Amino acid sequence: MINYVSMESSLASFATGSRSRAVMNEISMAIMKQTLEQQEAVGQALIEMIQQTPMPDGTGQIINTAA
């Protein structure tokens, strides 16, 4: 009888631990996805900012090789 209770307790403990790990993995994945989306948005905003920056006249046309 004691062996049976012990086995049942072990199975319950394993199931609880397994579900707990699954939930933690889901939370970690959600956080990683949110972080990736934020980084992508920041990168896109940076690209747009660079593209909208006016270039001074003559930029890229004259190269100073003496510098």
C-alpha atoms as a PDB file:
ATOM      1  CA  MET A   1       0.000   0.000   0.000  1.00  0.00           C
ATOM      2  CA  ILE A   2       2.792   2.431   0.885  1.00  0.00           C
ATOM      3  CA  ASN A   3       4.555   1.654  -2.390  1.00  0.00           C
ATOM      4  CA  TYR A   4       1.373   2.413  -4.358  1.00  0.00           C
ATOM      5  CA  VAL A   5       0.868   5.782  -2.625  1.00  0.00           C
ATOM      6  CA  SER A   6       4.493   6.616  -3.230  1.00  0.00           C
ATOM      7  CA  MET A   7       4.159   5.772  -6.943  1.00  0.00           C
ATOM      8  CA  GLU A   8       0.962   7.816  -7.223  1.00  0.00           C
ATOM      9  CA  SER A   9       2.606  10.726  -5.463  1.00  0.00           C
ATOM     10  CA  SER A  10       5.599  10.518  -7.792  1.00  0.00           C
ATOM     11  CA  LEU A  11       3.380  10.550 -10.873  1.00  0.00           C
ATOM     12  CA  ALA A  12       1.418  13.535  -9.576  1.00  0.00           C
ATOM     13  CA  SER A  13       4.621  15.361  -8.781  1.00  0.00           C
ATOM     14  CA  PHE A  14       6.010  14.607 -12.244  1.00  0.00           C
ATOM     15  CA  ALA A  15       2.818  15.800 -13.953  1.00  0.00           C
ATOM     16  CA  THR A  16       2.765  19.008 -11.926  1.00  0.00           C
ATOM     17  CA  GLY A  17       6.427  19.682 -12.623  1.00  0.00           C
ATOM     18  CA  SER A  18       5.998  18.939 -16.294  1.00  0.00           C
ATOM     19  CA  ARG A  19       3.084  21.357 -16.609  1.00  0.00           C
ATOM     20  CA  SER A  20       4.981  23.979 -14.650  1.00  0.00           C
ATOM     21  CA  ARG A  21       7.926  23.701 -17.055  1.00  0.00           C
ATOM     22  CA  ALA A  22       5.572  23.938 -20.033  1.00  0.00           C
ATOM     23  CA  VAL A  23       4.010  27.127 -18.660  1.00  0.00           C
ATOM     24  CA  MET A  24       7.432  28.636 -17.991  1.00  0.00           C
ATOM     25  CA  ASN A  25       8.506  27.781 -21.542  1.00  0.00           C
ATOM     26  CA  GLU A  26       5.393  29.452 -22.942  1.00  0.00           C
ATOM     27  CA  ILE A  27       6.058  32.566 -20.871  1.00  0.00           C
ATOM     28  CA  SER A  28       9.692  32.660 -21.994  1.00  0.00           C
ATOM     29  CA  MET A  29       8.697  32.304 -25.636  1.00  0.00           C
ATOM     30  CA  ALA A  30       6.115  35.092 -25.323  1.00  0.00           C
ATOM     31  CA  ILE A  31       8.704  37.400 -23.757  1.00  0.00           C
ATOM     32  CA  MET A  32      11.257  36.563 -26.449  1.00  0.00           C
ATOM     33  CA  LYS A  33       8.680  37.191 -29.186  1.00  0.00           C
ATOM     34  CA  GLN A  34       7.703  40.546 -27.663  1.00  0.00           C
ATOM     35  CA  THR A  35      11.363  41.567 -27.345  1.00  0.00           C
ATOM     36  CA  LEU A  36      12.036  40.586 -30.961  1.00  0.00           C
ATOM     37  CA  GLU A  37       9.011  42.576 -32.163  1.00  0.00           C
ATOM     38  CA  GLN A  38      10.174  45.618 -30.173  1.00  0.00           C
ATOM     39  CA  GLN A  39      13.692  45.356 -31.595  1.00  0.00           C
ATOM     40  CA  GLU A  40      12.272  45.052 -35.104  1.00  0.00           C
ATOM     41  CA  ALA A  41      10.114  48.164 -34.571  1.00  0.00           C
ATOM     42  CA  VAL A  42      13.115  50.118 -33.252  1.00  0.00           C
ATOM     43  CA  GLY A  43      15.201  49.019 -36.232  1.00  0.00           C
ATOM     44  CA  GLN A  44      12.474  50.000 -38.680  1.00  0.00           C
ATOM     45  CA  ALA A  45      12.113  53.419 -37.013  1.00  0.00           C
ATOM     46  CA  LEU A  46      15.876  53.916 -37.236  1.00  0.00           C
ATOM     47  CA  ILE A  47      15.874  53.051 -40.939  1.00  0.00           C
ATOM     48  CA  GLU A  48      13.030  55.492 -41.573  1.00  0.00           C
ATOM     49  CA  MET A  49      14.815  58.211 -39.590  1.00  0.00           C
ATOM     50  CA  ILE A  50      18.010  57.718 -41.605  1.00  0.00           C
ATOM     51  CA  GLN A  51      16.109  57.781 -44.891  1.00  0.00           C
ATOM     52  CA  GLN A  52      14.299  61.004 -43.956  1.00  0.00           C
ATOM     53  CA  THR A  53      17.446  62.862 -42.892  1.00  0.00           C
ATOM     54  CA  PRO A  54      18.156  65.551 -45.507  1.00  0.00           C
ATOM     55  CA  MET A  55      21.579  65.272 -47.060  1.00  0.00           C
ATOM     56  CA  PRO A  56      23.612  68.482 -47.410  1.00  0.00           C
ATOM     57  CA  ASP A  57      24.241  69.676 -50.969  1.00  0.00           C
ATOM     58  CA  GLY A  58      27.191  67.952 -52.555  1.00  0.00           C
ATOM     59  CA  THR A  59      27.203  65.041 -50.132  1.00  0.00           C
ATOM     60  CA  GLY A  60      28.713  61.998 -51.755  1.00  0.00           C
ATOM     61  CA  GLN A  61      29.839  63.883 -54.842  1.00  0.00           C
ATOM     62  CA  ILE A  62      33.246  65.147 -53.723  1.00  0.00           C
ATOM     63  CA  ILE A  63      35.743  62.953 -51.930  1.00  0.00           C
ATOM     64  CA  ASN A  64      38.573  64.656 -50.082  1.00  0.00           C
ATOM     65  CA  THR A  65      41.508  62.303 -50.622  1.00  0.00           C
ATOM     66  CA  ALA A  66      43.949  64.667 -48.872  1.00  0.00           C
ATOM     67  CA  ALA A  67      42.305  64.216 -45.489  1.00  0.00           C
END
